[in-house]
Structure formats: structure tokens, C-alpha cells
Amino acid sequence: MLNAKKRTLALMTLAGAFLFVLAGVAQAKPAGTISPQEGLTNGTVVTVTGTGFTAGKTLGINECSDQGASTGAGDCDLAKIKTLTVGADGKVSGTYTVSAGPFGANNRVCDATHKCVISLGELSADPNAERVTFDVSFTGGSSTAAAPTAAAAAPLARTGAQAVGLLLFAGLGMLLLGSATRVVVRADTRRH
């Protein structure tokens, strides 16, 4: 029984430590900014900057119609990909001229009623590739759009950083459980 408790202690402590390390790795993911991000029209030049990328990698800036998880190559303006090379410090910056469309094999458009994104990242369909994606808003469109709400007024880059808090919380919980198990094991050892 005592050996099982010691193994549980070791596993809980290792799991907690692993989650803390994993949170640190998740925190190191690329981040970026885009300006302007709202009120875009056909031909607007945006400035895209990124940090936390692997030095020397070739990245691309691209515009796509936001089709959620099903966004594919046919929804993107592949003819206008702009390539950049990441500096030794992991930073990259460039400009990109947006298009209201139609673009891509699916003839997508960007306007007040059709959402679009600008991405900065590896030229790969790999979901684990280094990439940061920005929601952008265009003016105009085929129908009148409601005034933007406070939440929609400042869209944020989708970087996956929200998972860091969850990993840190889970890691802390595992370390606390491992410590509590250690106290119980010590108490049992002293009684025998």
C-alpha cells in the first residue's frame, strides 16, 4: 500500500511539473499586431508585425475569408502571398495590401457582412505551424450591418494564449495534489 502511495506521489508531482513546462512552451507561441485592423477597404495597406517566431523561418502574410474551422486554400488570396524572413530575434514585420475580392477558387469577398482574416505564419496547412491570425473588418457590403458592439470594436489576434492559463491552473492543481499525497504518505510511514 505504501509503495502505491509513493508512486501516486511521484506521478502527481511529475504531471504537475510537466503541465508547468507545457504552459511555458505554450506561452512562447508567436504573437503579433496588425494596423489598421478595422474599416478596411479594397487596397488598404496594413502593417503586420510578429514576435516569437523561429529565427530564419520563411513566413507568409495572406488574406482569407473567415469560414471558421473549414477555411481552406480556396477561401484565400493565394496569388498575393507576401513572404518574409524572421530575424535572429524572432521578430518579423511587413506590409500587405488587402483585397475586398473576389479572390480564391471559391470567389470570396471581404466586406461588412463577410468576415475575413489576415494570417502571418509558415506556408503550411499544418495546424501546429507557427502562425498568428488577425480578425479584420471591412466597410461596405451587400446589406446594412449593425453598428459594431464594444466587443467587436477591438478584435484580437487568435494566438492560442488562452490555453496557457488552463495549463498553469492544471499544473498547480497536480502539484498540490502531489504534495498532499506526500504528506499522507509521510504520516503513514511514521505510524508504522
N, C-alpha and C. Protein backbone atom coordinates (compact mmCIF):
# COMPACT_ATOMS: atom_id res chain seq x y z
N MET A 1 0.82 -1.20 0.00
CA MET A 1 0.00 0.00 0.00
C MET A 1 0.86 1.25 0.00
N LEU A 2 1.95 1.21 0.78
CA LEU A 2 2.84 2.36 0.88
C LEU A 2 3.52 2.64 -0.45
N ASN A 3 3.95 1.60 -1.16
CA ASN A 3 4.59 1.80 -2.47
C ASN A 3 3.63 2.40 -3.48
N ALA A 4 2.36 2.01 -3.44
CA ALA A 4 1.36 2.58 -4.33
C ALA A 4 1.19 4.07 -4.06
N LYS A 5 1.22 4.46 -2.80
CA LYS A 5 1.09 5.88 -2.45
C LYS A 5 2.32 6.66 -2.92
N LYS A 6 3.48 6.06 -2.79
CA LYS A 6 4.70 6.73 -3.25
C LYS A 6 4.68 6.90 -4.77
N ARG A 7 4.20 5.89 -5.48
CA ARG A 7 4.09 6.01 -6.93
C ARG A 7 3.09 7.09 -7.32
N THR A 8 1.97 7.15 -6.59
CA THR A 8 0.98 8.19 -6.85
C THR A 8 1.58 9.56 -6.63
N LEU A 9 2.33 9.71 -5.55
CA LEU A 9 3.01 10.97 -5.25
C LEU A 9 3.94 11.36 -6.40
N ALA A 10 4.74 10.42 -6.83
CA ALA A 10 5.70 10.70 -7.90
C ALA A 10 4.98 11.08 -9.20
N LEU A 11 3.94 10.34 -9.54
CA LEU A 11 3.19 10.62 -10.77
C LEU A 11 2.51 11.98 -10.72
N MET A 12 1.89 12.31 -9.59
CA MET A 12 1.20 13.60 -9.45
C MET A 12 2.20 14.75 -9.56
N THR A 13 3.33 14.61 -8.92
CA THR A 13 4.33 15.66 -8.95
C THR A 13 4.90 15.82 -10.36
N LEU A 14 5.21 14.71 -11.02
CA LEU A 14 5.72 14.77 -12.39
C LEU A 14 4.69 15.36 -13.34
N ALA A 15 3.42 14.97 -13.19
CA ALA A 15 2.37 15.51 -14.05
C ALA A 15 2.24 17.01 -13.86
N GLY A 16 2.29 17.46 -12.61
CA GLY A 16 2.21 18.89 -12.35
C GLY A 16 3.37 19.64 -12.95
N ALA A 17 4.57 19.11 -12.78
CA ALA A 17 5.76 19.76 -13.35
C ALA A 17 5.67 19.79 -14.88
N PHE A 18 5.20 18.70 -15.48
CA PHE A 18 5.05 18.64 -16.93
C PHE A 18 4.09 19.71 -17.43
N LEU A 19 2.96 19.89 -16.72
CA LEU A 19 1.99 20.89 -17.15
C LEU A 19 2.56 22.30 -17.03
N PHE A 20 3.38 22.56 -16.01
CA PHE A 20 4.01 23.87 -15.91
C PHE A 20 4.97 24.10 -17.08
N VAL A 21 5.75 23.08 -17.43
CA VAL A 21 6.66 23.20 -18.57
C VAL A 21 5.86 23.41 -19.85
N LEU A 22 4.79 22.65 -20.02
CA LEU A 22 3.94 22.78 -21.19
C LEU A 22 3.34 24.17 -21.28
N ALA A 23 2.96 24.75 -20.15
CA ALA A 23 2.42 26.11 -20.14
C ALA A 23 3.49 27.10 -20.60
N GLY A 24 4.73 26.87 -20.19
CA GLY A 24 5.81 27.75 -20.63
C GLY A 24 6.03 27.67 -22.12
N VAL A 25 5.94 26.48 -22.69
CA VAL A 25 6.08 26.30 -24.13
C VAL A 25 4.91 26.97 -24.84
N ALA A 26 3.70 26.80 -24.30
CA ALA A 26 2.53 27.42 -24.92
C ALA A 26 2.65 28.94 -24.89
N GLN A 27 3.22 29.48 -23.83
CA GLN A 27 3.39 30.92 -23.72
C GLN A 27 4.34 31.45 -24.79
N ALA A 28 5.27 30.64 -25.24
CA ALA A 28 6.27 31.08 -26.19
C ALA A 28 5.76 31.12 -27.62
N LYS A 29 4.52 30.81 -27.85
CA LYS A 29 3.98 30.82 -29.20
C LYS A 29 4.03 32.22 -29.79
N PRO A 30 4.05 32.29 -31.11
CA PRO A 30 4.10 33.58 -31.77
C PRO A 30 2.92 34.48 -31.41
N ALA A 31 3.18 35.78 -31.46
CA ALA A 31 2.16 36.80 -31.23
C ALA A 31 2.39 37.88 -32.28
N GLY A 32 1.43 38.77 -32.43
CA GLY A 32 1.61 39.81 -33.42
C GLY A 32 0.58 40.91 -33.32
N THR A 33 0.76 41.90 -34.18
CA THR A 33 -0.17 43.02 -34.28
C THR A 33 -0.42 43.32 -35.74
N ILE A 34 -1.54 43.97 -35.99
CA ILE A 34 -1.86 44.43 -37.34
C ILE A 34 -2.47 45.82 -37.21
N SER A 35 -2.12 46.71 -38.15
CA SER A 35 -2.66 48.06 -38.12
C SER A 35 -2.72 48.61 -39.54
N PRO A 36 -3.88 49.17 -39.94
CA PRO A 36 -5.15 49.17 -39.22
C PRO A 36 -5.80 47.79 -39.27
N GLN A 37 -6.76 47.59 -38.38
CA GLN A 37 -7.44 46.31 -38.29
C GLN A 37 -8.93 46.44 -38.62
N GLU A 38 -9.44 47.66 -38.58
CA GLU A 38 -10.86 47.91 -38.82
C GLU A 38 -11.05 48.94 -39.93
N GLY A 39 -12.25 48.94 -40.50
CA GLY A 39 -12.59 49.93 -41.51
C GLY A 39 -11.80 49.78 -42.80
N LEU A 40 -11.35 48.58 -43.10
CA LEU A 40 -10.55 48.35 -44.30
C LEU A 40 -11.41 48.45 -45.56
N THR A 41 -10.77 48.86 -46.64
CA THR A 41 -11.40 48.88 -47.96
C THR A 41 -10.42 48.25 -48.94
N ASN A 42 -10.89 47.97 -50.14
CA ASN A 42 -10.03 47.38 -51.16
C ASN A 42 -8.79 48.25 -51.36
N GLY A 43 -7.60 47.67 -51.25
CA GLY A 43 -6.36 48.40 -51.47
C GLY A 43 -5.74 49.01 -50.22
N THR A 44 -6.37 48.87 -49.06
CA THR A 44 -5.77 49.37 -47.82
C THR A 44 -4.47 48.62 -47.55
N VAL A 45 -3.43 49.36 -47.17
CA VAL A 45 -2.15 48.74 -46.81
C VAL A 45 -2.12 48.60 -45.29
N VAL A 46 -1.93 47.37 -44.82
CA VAL A 46 -1.83 47.10 -43.38
C VAL A 46 -0.39 46.75 -43.05
N THR A 47 0.00 47.06 -41.82
CA THR A 47 1.33 46.69 -41.32
C THR A 47 1.16 45.53 -40.35
N VAL A 48 1.85 44.45 -40.59
CA VAL A 48 1.77 43.25 -39.76
C VAL A 48 3.13 43.03 -39.09
N THR A 49 3.12 42.84 -37.77
CA THR A 49 4.36 42.54 -37.05
C THR A 49 4.16 41.26 -36.26
N GLY A 50 5.23 40.54 -36.07
CA GLY A 50 5.17 39.29 -35.30
C GLY A 50 6.39 39.13 -34.42
N THR A 51 6.20 38.43 -33.30
CA THR A 51 7.29 38.10 -32.38
C THR A 51 7.14 36.64 -31.97
N GLY A 52 8.23 36.06 -31.51
CA GLY A 52 8.18 34.69 -31.00
C GLY A 52 8.26 33.62 -32.07
N PHE A 53 8.64 33.99 -33.28
CA PHE A 53 8.79 33.01 -34.36
C PHE A 53 10.22 32.45 -34.33
N THR A 54 10.42 31.30 -34.96
CA THR A 54 11.74 30.69 -35.06
C THR A 54 12.60 31.50 -36.02
N ALA A 55 13.78 31.90 -35.56
CA ALA A 55 14.69 32.71 -36.37
C ALA A 55 15.01 32.03 -37.70
N GLY A 56 15.01 32.83 -38.76
CA GLY A 56 15.37 32.34 -40.08
C GLY A 56 14.25 31.70 -40.87
N LYS A 57 13.10 31.45 -40.26
CA LYS A 57 11.99 30.82 -40.98
C LYS A 57 11.40 31.78 -42.01
N THR A 58 10.91 31.21 -43.11
CA THR A 58 10.19 31.99 -44.10
C THR A 58 8.71 31.92 -43.75
N LEU A 59 8.09 33.09 -43.63
CA LEU A 59 6.67 33.19 -43.30
C LEU A 59 5.94 33.87 -44.45
N GLY A 60 4.63 33.74 -44.45
CA GLY A 60 3.83 34.43 -45.44
C GLY A 60 2.72 35.22 -44.78
N ILE A 61 2.40 36.36 -45.38
CA ILE A 61 1.21 37.13 -44.99
C ILE A 61 0.17 36.81 -46.04
N ASN A 62 -1.05 36.47 -45.60
CA ASN A 62 -2.09 36.09 -46.54
C ASN A 62 -3.45 36.53 -46.01
N GLU A 63 -4.38 36.72 -46.92
CA GLU A 63 -5.75 37.12 -46.59
C GLU A 63 -6.70 35.99 -46.97
N CYS A 64 -7.62 35.68 -46.05
CA CYS A 64 -8.61 34.63 -46.32
C CYS A 64 -9.98 35.08 -45.86
N SER A 65 -10.99 34.54 -46.49
CA SER A 65 -12.36 34.69 -46.00
C SER A 65 -12.47 33.79 -44.78
N ASP A 66 -13.06 34.30 -43.70
CA ASP A 66 -13.16 33.52 -42.46
C ASP A 66 -14.33 32.55 -42.55
N GLN A 67 -14.02 31.30 -42.82
CA GLN A 67 -15.03 30.24 -42.89
C GLN A 67 -14.93 29.33 -41.66
N GLY A 68 -14.35 29.87 -40.59
CA GLY A 68 -14.20 29.09 -39.36
C GLY A 68 -13.22 27.95 -39.57
N ALA A 69 -13.52 26.82 -38.94
CA ALA A 69 -12.64 25.66 -39.00
C ALA A 69 -12.53 25.08 -40.41
N SER A 70 -13.48 25.42 -41.28
CA SER A 70 -13.45 24.85 -42.64
C SER A 70 -12.76 25.77 -43.65
N THR A 71 -12.11 26.85 -43.20
CA THR A 71 -11.38 27.72 -44.12
C THR A 71 -10.29 26.91 -44.81
N GLY A 72 -10.27 27.00 -46.13
CA GLY A 72 -9.28 26.25 -46.90
C GLY A 72 -8.61 27.13 -47.93
N ALA A 73 -7.75 26.53 -48.73
CA ALA A 73 -6.99 27.27 -49.74
C ALA A 73 -7.90 28.02 -50.71
N GLY A 74 -9.04 27.45 -51.05
CA GLY A 74 -9.97 28.10 -51.97
C GLY A 74 -10.62 29.35 -51.42
N ASP A 75 -10.45 29.59 -50.12
CA ASP A 75 -11.02 30.77 -49.47
C ASP A 75 -9.98 31.87 -49.30
N CYS A 76 -8.77 31.67 -49.83
CA CYS A 76 -7.66 32.59 -49.60
C CYS A 76 -7.16 33.21 -50.90
N ASP A 77 -6.54 34.38 -50.77
CA ASP A 77 -5.97 35.09 -51.90
C ASP A 77 -4.52 34.63 -52.09
N LEU A 78 -4.35 33.39 -52.53
CA LEU A 78 -3.04 32.77 -52.64
C LEU A 78 -2.12 33.47 -53.63
N ALA A 79 -2.70 34.15 -54.60
CA ALA A 79 -1.88 34.84 -55.60
C ALA A 79 -1.13 36.03 -55.00
N LYS A 80 -1.56 36.50 -53.83
CA LYS A 80 -0.95 37.69 -53.23
C LYS A 80 -0.16 37.39 -51.95
N ILE A 81 0.21 36.14 -51.70
CA ILE A 81 1.00 35.84 -50.50
C ILE A 81 2.29 36.65 -50.55
N LYS A 82 2.59 37.31 -49.45
CA LYS A 82 3.84 38.07 -49.34
C LYS A 82 4.75 37.34 -48.37
N THR A 83 5.95 36.99 -48.80
CA THR A 83 6.87 36.24 -47.94
C THR A 83 7.83 37.17 -47.21
N LEU A 84 8.18 36.76 -45.99
CA LEU A 84 9.09 37.49 -45.12
C LEU A 84 10.00 36.48 -44.44
N THR A 85 11.17 36.92 -44.02
CA THR A 85 12.09 36.06 -43.27
C THR A 85 12.20 36.58 -41.85
N VAL A 86 12.06 35.68 -40.88
CA VAL A 86 12.14 36.03 -39.46
C VAL A 86 13.58 36.39 -39.10
N GLY A 87 13.75 37.47 -38.34
CA GLY A 87 15.07 37.90 -37.90
C GLY A 87 15.63 37.00 -36.81
N ALA A 88 16.88 37.20 -36.48
CA ALA A 88 17.56 36.41 -35.44
C ALA A 88 16.89 36.56 -34.08
N ASP A 89 16.17 37.67 -33.88
CA ASP A 89 15.48 37.92 -32.61
C ASP A 89 14.07 37.34 -32.57
N GLY A 90 13.65 36.63 -33.63
CA GLY A 90 12.32 36.04 -33.67
C GLY A 90 11.23 37.00 -34.11
N LYS A 91 11.65 38.20 -34.56
CA LYS A 91 10.68 39.22 -34.96
C LYS A 91 10.62 39.33 -36.48
N VAL A 92 9.45 39.77 -36.95
CA VAL A 92 9.24 39.95 -38.38
C VAL A 92 8.23 41.08 -38.56
N SER A 93 8.34 41.81 -39.66
CA SER A 93 7.42 42.91 -39.93
C SER A 93 7.31 43.10 -41.43
N GLY A 94 6.11 43.48 -41.88
CA GLY A 94 5.92 43.73 -43.29
C GLY A 94 4.58 44.39 -43.55
N THR A 95 4.39 44.83 -44.77
CA THR A 95 3.12 45.42 -45.16
C THR A 95 2.41 44.48 -46.13
N TYR A 96 1.10 44.65 -46.21
CA TYR A 96 0.29 43.81 -47.08
C TYR A 96 -0.88 44.65 -47.58
N THR A 97 -1.19 44.56 -48.86
CA THR A 97 -2.32 45.28 -49.44
C THR A 97 -3.52 44.35 -49.48
N VAL A 98 -4.58 44.71 -48.73
CA VAL A 98 -5.76 43.84 -48.64
C VAL A 98 -6.64 44.00 -49.87
N SER A 99 -7.45 42.99 -50.11
CA SER A 99 -8.37 42.98 -51.24
C SER A 99 -9.78 42.71 -50.74
N ALA A 100 -10.74 43.41 -51.32
CA ALA A 100 -12.14 43.14 -51.00
C ALA A 100 -12.65 41.95 -51.82
N GLY A 101 -11.85 41.49 -52.76
CA GLY A 101 -12.21 40.33 -53.57
C GLY A 101 -13.02 40.71 -54.79
N PRO A 102 -13.52 39.69 -55.48
CA PRO A 102 -13.46 38.27 -55.14
C PRO A 102 -12.05 37.69 -55.36
N PHE A 103 -11.73 36.70 -54.51
CA PHE A 103 -10.44 36.02 -54.61
C PHE A 103 -10.61 34.56 -54.25
N GLY A 104 -9.60 33.77 -54.58
CA GLY A 104 -9.61 32.34 -54.28
C GLY A 104 -10.50 31.57 -55.22
N ALA A 105 -10.34 30.27 -55.23
CA ALA A 105 -11.14 29.40 -56.09
C ALA A 105 -12.62 29.48 -55.76
N ASN A 106 -12.94 29.90 -54.51
CA ASN A 106 -14.34 30.00 -54.09
C ASN A 106 -14.90 31.40 -54.26
N ASN A 107 -14.15 32.29 -54.93
CA ASN A 107 -14.59 33.67 -55.20
C ASN A 107 -15.12 34.37 -53.97
N ARG A 108 -14.31 34.41 -52.93
CA ARG A 108 -14.69 35.03 -51.65
C ARG A 108 -14.54 36.54 -51.70
N VAL A 109 -15.34 37.22 -50.88
CA VAL A 109 -15.27 38.68 -50.75
C VAL A 109 -15.15 39.05 -49.28
N CYS A 110 -14.59 40.23 -49.04
CA CYS A 110 -14.48 40.78 -47.69
C CYS A 110 -15.25 42.10 -47.66
N ASP A 111 -16.22 42.20 -46.78
CA ASP A 111 -16.95 43.44 -46.58
C ASP A 111 -17.57 43.41 -45.19
N ALA A 112 -18.48 44.33 -44.92
CA ALA A 112 -19.06 44.42 -43.57
C ALA A 112 -19.85 43.17 -43.19
N THR A 113 -20.31 42.40 -44.16
CA THR A 113 -21.10 41.21 -43.85
C THR A 113 -20.36 39.90 -44.09
N HIS A 114 -19.18 39.96 -44.68
CA HIS A 114 -18.38 38.77 -44.94
C HIS A 114 -17.04 38.93 -44.24
N LYS A 115 -16.85 38.20 -43.14
CA LYS A 115 -15.65 38.34 -42.32
C LYS A 115 -14.42 37.78 -43.02
N CYS A 116 -13.29 38.42 -42.74
CA CYS A 116 -12.02 37.97 -43.29
C CYS A 116 -10.94 38.00 -42.22
N VAL A 117 -9.83 37.31 -42.50
CA VAL A 117 -8.69 37.26 -41.59
C VAL A 117 -7.41 37.49 -42.38
N ILE A 118 -6.42 38.01 -41.69
CA ILE A 118 -5.06 38.11 -42.23
C ILE A 118 -4.21 37.20 -41.37
N SER A 119 -3.42 36.34 -42.00
CA SER A 119 -2.56 35.46 -41.21
C SER A 119 -1.10 35.75 -41.52
N LEU A 120 -0.28 35.56 -40.51
CA LEU A 120 1.17 35.66 -40.62
C LEU A 120 1.70 34.34 -40.10
N GLY A 121 2.33 33.56 -40.97
CA GLY A 121 2.82 32.28 -40.49
C GLY A 121 3.50 31.45 -41.56
N GLU A 122 3.87 30.25 -41.12
CA GLU A 122 4.51 29.30 -42.03
C GLU A 122 3.58 29.00 -43.20
N LEU A 123 4.16 28.77 -44.35
CA LEU A 123 3.40 28.46 -45.55
C LEU A 123 3.11 26.97 -45.57
N SER A 124 2.23 26.55 -44.66
CA SER A 124 1.92 25.14 -44.46
C SER A 124 0.49 25.01 -43.96
N ALA A 125 -0.16 23.92 -44.33
CA ALA A 125 -1.50 23.64 -43.82
C ALA A 125 -1.45 22.95 -42.46
N ASP A 126 -0.26 22.67 -41.96
CA ASP A 126 -0.09 22.01 -40.66
C ASP A 126 -0.73 22.86 -39.56
N PRO A 127 -1.70 22.31 -38.81
CA PRO A 127 -2.34 23.08 -37.74
C PRO A 127 -1.38 23.47 -36.62
N ASN A 128 -0.22 22.81 -36.53
CA ASN A 128 0.77 23.13 -35.50
C ASN A 128 1.85 24.09 -35.99
N ALA A 129 1.71 24.57 -37.22
CA ALA A 129 2.70 25.50 -37.77
C ALA A 129 2.68 26.80 -36.97
N GLU A 130 3.82 27.50 -36.96
CA GLU A 130 3.89 28.80 -36.30
C GLU A 130 3.04 29.78 -37.10
N ARG A 131 2.03 30.35 -36.43
CA ARG A 131 1.10 31.22 -37.15
C ARG A 131 0.33 32.09 -36.16
N VAL A 132 0.02 33.29 -36.56
CA VAL A 132 -0.89 34.15 -35.82
C VAL A 132 -1.90 34.69 -36.82
N THR A 133 -3.17 34.73 -36.43
CA THR A 133 -4.24 35.14 -37.33
C THR A 133 -4.99 36.31 -36.72
N PHE A 134 -5.30 37.30 -37.55
CA PHE A 134 -5.99 38.51 -37.10
C PHE A 134 -7.35 38.63 -37.75
N ASP A 135 -8.39 38.85 -36.96
CA ASP A 135 -9.70 39.20 -37.50
C ASP A 135 -9.61 40.63 -38.01
N VAL A 136 -10.07 40.88 -39.21
CA VAL A 136 -10.10 42.24 -39.76
C VAL A 136 -11.51 42.55 -40.21
N SER A 137 -11.86 43.84 -40.19
CA SER A 137 -13.21 44.22 -40.62
C SER A 137 -13.12 45.22 -41.77
N PHE A 138 -13.97 45.01 -42.73
CA PHE A 138 -14.06 45.87 -43.91
C PHE A 138 -15.32 46.71 -43.82
N THR A 139 -15.33 47.82 -44.54
CA THR A 139 -16.55 48.63 -44.65
C THR A 139 -17.25 48.23 -45.93
N GLY A 140 -18.50 48.64 -46.06
CA GLY A 140 -19.28 48.32 -47.25
C GLY A 140 -19.83 46.91 -47.18
N GLY A 141 -20.57 46.53 -48.23
CA GLY A 141 -21.14 45.19 -48.26
C GLY A 141 -22.47 45.17 -48.95
N SER A 142 -23.05 43.99 -49.01
CA SER A 142 -24.30 43.82 -49.74
C SER A 142 -25.53 44.15 -48.92
N SER A 143 -25.37 44.32 -47.62
CA SER A 143 -26.52 44.68 -46.79
C SER A 143 -26.03 45.59 -45.68
N THR A 144 -26.96 46.27 -45.03
CA THR A 144 -26.56 47.16 -43.95
C THR A 144 -26.20 46.34 -42.73
N ALA A 145 -25.08 46.66 -42.16
CA ALA A 145 -24.61 45.94 -40.98
C ALA A 145 -24.92 46.75 -39.74
N ALA A 146 -25.17 46.06 -38.65
CA ALA A 146 -25.42 46.73 -37.38
C ALA A 146 -24.14 47.41 -36.93
N ALA A 147 -24.31 48.46 -36.13
CA ALA A 147 -23.15 49.17 -35.59
C ALA A 147 -22.34 48.20 -34.75
N PRO A 148 -21.02 48.31 -34.80
CA PRO A 148 -20.20 47.38 -34.03
C PRO A 148 -20.43 47.54 -32.54
N THR A 149 -20.43 46.42 -31.84
CA THR A 149 -20.55 46.46 -30.39
C THR A 149 -19.18 46.70 -29.79
N ALA A 150 -19.13 46.95 -28.50
CA ALA A 150 -17.85 47.19 -27.84
C ALA A 150 -16.92 45.99 -28.02
N ALA A 151 -17.47 44.78 -27.96
CA ALA A 151 -16.65 43.58 -28.10
C ALA A 151 -16.10 43.46 -29.52
N ALA A 152 -16.89 43.86 -30.52
CA ALA A 152 -16.45 43.73 -31.89
C ALA A 152 -15.55 44.89 -32.31
N ALA A 153 -15.52 45.96 -31.52
CA ALA A 153 -14.76 47.14 -31.90
C ALA A 153 -13.26 46.91 -31.85
N ALA A 154 -12.80 45.96 -31.07
CA ALA A 154 -11.36 45.73 -30.96
C ALA A 154 -11.03 44.25 -31.03
N PRO A 155 -11.16 43.65 -32.23
CA PRO A 155 -10.85 42.23 -32.34
C PRO A 155 -9.39 41.96 -32.01
N LEU A 156 -9.14 40.80 -31.44
CA LEU A 156 -7.80 40.42 -31.01
C LEU A 156 -7.23 39.33 -31.90
N ALA A 157 -5.94 39.25 -31.93
CA ALA A 157 -5.27 38.17 -32.65
C ALA A 157 -5.58 36.85 -31.99
N ARG A 158 -5.82 35.81 -32.80
CA ARG A 158 -6.07 34.47 -32.26
C ARG A 158 -4.73 33.74 -32.20
N THR A 159 -4.17 33.65 -30.98
CA THR A 159 -2.84 33.06 -30.83
C THR A 159 -2.82 31.78 -30.02
N GLY A 160 -3.92 31.41 -29.38
CA GLY A 160 -3.94 30.22 -28.56
C GLY A 160 -3.48 30.46 -27.14
N ALA A 161 -3.21 31.72 -26.77
CA ALA A 161 -2.70 32.02 -25.44
C ALA A 161 -3.71 31.72 -24.33
N GLN A 162 -4.99 31.61 -24.65
CA GLN A 162 -5.98 31.33 -23.60
C GLN A 162 -5.74 29.97 -22.96
N ALA A 163 -5.06 29.08 -23.63
CA ALA A 163 -4.78 27.75 -23.08
C ALA A 163 -3.70 27.81 -22.00
N VAL A 164 -2.89 28.85 -21.99
CA VAL A 164 -1.80 28.95 -21.02
C VAL A 164 -2.34 28.97 -19.60
N GLY A 165 -3.36 29.78 -19.35
CA GLY A 165 -3.95 29.85 -18.01
C GLY A 165 -4.47 28.51 -17.55
N LEU A 166 -5.13 27.80 -18.44
CA LEU A 166 -5.66 26.48 -18.11
C LEU A 166 -4.52 25.51 -17.78
N LEU A 167 -3.45 25.54 -18.55
CA LEU A 167 -2.31 24.66 -18.27
C LEU A 167 -1.66 25.00 -16.94
N LEU A 168 -1.50 26.29 -16.65
CA LEU A 168 -0.91 26.69 -15.37
C LEU A 168 -1.79 26.24 -14.21
N PHE A 169 -3.11 26.44 -14.34
CA PHE A 169 -4.04 26.04 -13.29
C PHE A 169 -3.99 24.52 -13.07
N ALA A 170 -4.00 23.76 -14.16
CA ALA A 170 -3.95 22.29 -14.05
C ALA A 170 -2.62 21.85 -13.44
N GLY A 171 -1.53 22.48 -13.84
CA GLY A 171 -0.22 22.14 -13.28
C GLY A 171 -0.15 22.42 -11.79
N LEU A 172 -0.68 23.56 -11.37
CA LEU A 172 -0.71 23.90 -9.95
C LEU A 172 -1.54 22.89 -9.17
N GLY A 173 -2.69 22.52 -9.73
CA GLY A 173 -3.55 21.53 -9.08
C GLY A 173 -2.85 20.19 -8.90
N MET A 174 -2.14 19.76 -9.94
CA MET A 174 -1.43 18.48 -9.86
C MET A 174 -0.30 18.55 -8.83
N LEU A 175 0.42 19.67 -8.79
CA LEU A 175 1.49 19.81 -7.79
C LEU A 175 0.92 19.81 -6.38
N LEU A 176 -0.22 20.49 -6.18
CA LEU A 176 -0.84 20.50 -4.85
C LEU A 176 -1.30 19.10 -4.45
N LEU A 177 -1.90 18.38 -5.39
CA LEU A 177 -2.33 17.01 -5.09
C LEU A 177 -1.13 16.12 -4.78
N GLY A 178 -0.05 16.29 -5.54
CA GLY A 178 1.16 15.52 -5.27
C GLY A 178 1.73 15.83 -3.90
N SER A 179 1.72 17.10 -3.51
CA SER A 179 2.22 17.49 -2.18
C SER A 179 1.34 16.92 -1.08
N ALA A 180 0.02 16.98 -1.28
CA ALA A 180 -0.90 16.43 -0.27
C ALA A 180 -0.69 14.92 -0.13
N THR A 181 -0.48 14.24 -1.23
CA THR A 181 -0.22 12.80 -1.18
C THR A 181 1.07 12.53 -0.43
N ARG A 182 2.07 13.36 -0.61
CA ARG A 182 3.34 13.19 0.10
C ARG A 182 3.14 13.31 1.60
N VAL A 183 2.34 14.26 2.04
CA VAL A 183 2.06 14.44 3.47
C VAL A 183 1.40 13.19 4.03
N VAL A 184 0.43 12.64 3.30
CA VAL A 184 -0.28 11.44 3.76
C VAL A 184 0.68 10.26 3.83
N VAL A 185 1.54 10.11 2.82
CA VAL A 185 2.50 9.00 2.80
C VAL A 185 3.47 9.13 3.98
N ARG A 186 3.94 10.32 4.25
CA ARG A 186 4.86 10.53 5.38
C ARG A 186 4.17 10.17 6.70
N ALA A 187 2.91 10.59 6.84
CA ALA A 187 2.18 10.29 8.08
C ALA A 187 2.03 8.78 8.25
N ASP A 188 1.72 8.06 7.16
CA ASP A 188 1.60 6.60 7.23
C ASP A 188 2.93 5.95 7.57
N THR A 189 4.01 6.46 7.02
CA THR A 189 5.34 5.90 7.26
C THR A 189 5.73 6.05 8.72
N ARG A 190 5.41 7.16 9.32
CA ARG A 190 5.78 7.41 10.72
C ARG A 190 4.97 6.54 11.68
N ARG A 191 3.75 6.19 11.31
CA ARG A 191 2.91 5.35 12.18
C ARG A 191 3.38 3.91 12.19
N HIS A 192 4.01 3.45 11.13
CA HIS A 192 4.40 2.03 11.03
C HIS A 192 5.77 1.81 11.51
